[in-house]
Amino acid sequence: MRANYAAKAYSSVDMSSKTDNRRPEELIVLLCDKACSCLRRASMLPMATSNELDLDERLKLIEDFHKSTSKAMQIVIALKEMLDMDAGGELSQQLAETYTVIYKNIWTATKSKNTADLGKLYEALAELRSGWETVANA
């Protein structure tokens, strides 16, 4: 894994913590934290009732929803891109496929404004984050 790429990806999503001198595994946990936060936020927004809001509130809601989901997608893509496919072997391949599935499902849920699916994706990513935290603390 490339620590510099992880630090850059983490910084590019407006994270305030310092990324210097962090191990790649720690950076991955931080990235997963932010992606989970974004998915959780998007899943809790009242998209199903957005038509009941006045125009300004509806626009703010839609903007918040799309900012949250696009940040989550950006992070998942960064997680996939930082995998070292040569050194990681089968595990890297499985993680790449997992990140691809998550990204595609975030995209689909975003297009359809399906907050329930975003909640499920949050849970899936939180599980991955837990695994990476175990690795980082080993």
Foldseek 3Di string as FASTA:
>chain_A
DDLVLLQVLLVVLPDDDHSPPADSLVSLLSLLVLLLVLLVVLLPQPPVCLVVDPPVVSVVSLVSNVSSLVSNLSSLVSVLVPQDCVVPPPVNVVSNVVSVVLNVQSVVCNVVSPSVSSVVSSVVSVVVSVVSVVVSVD
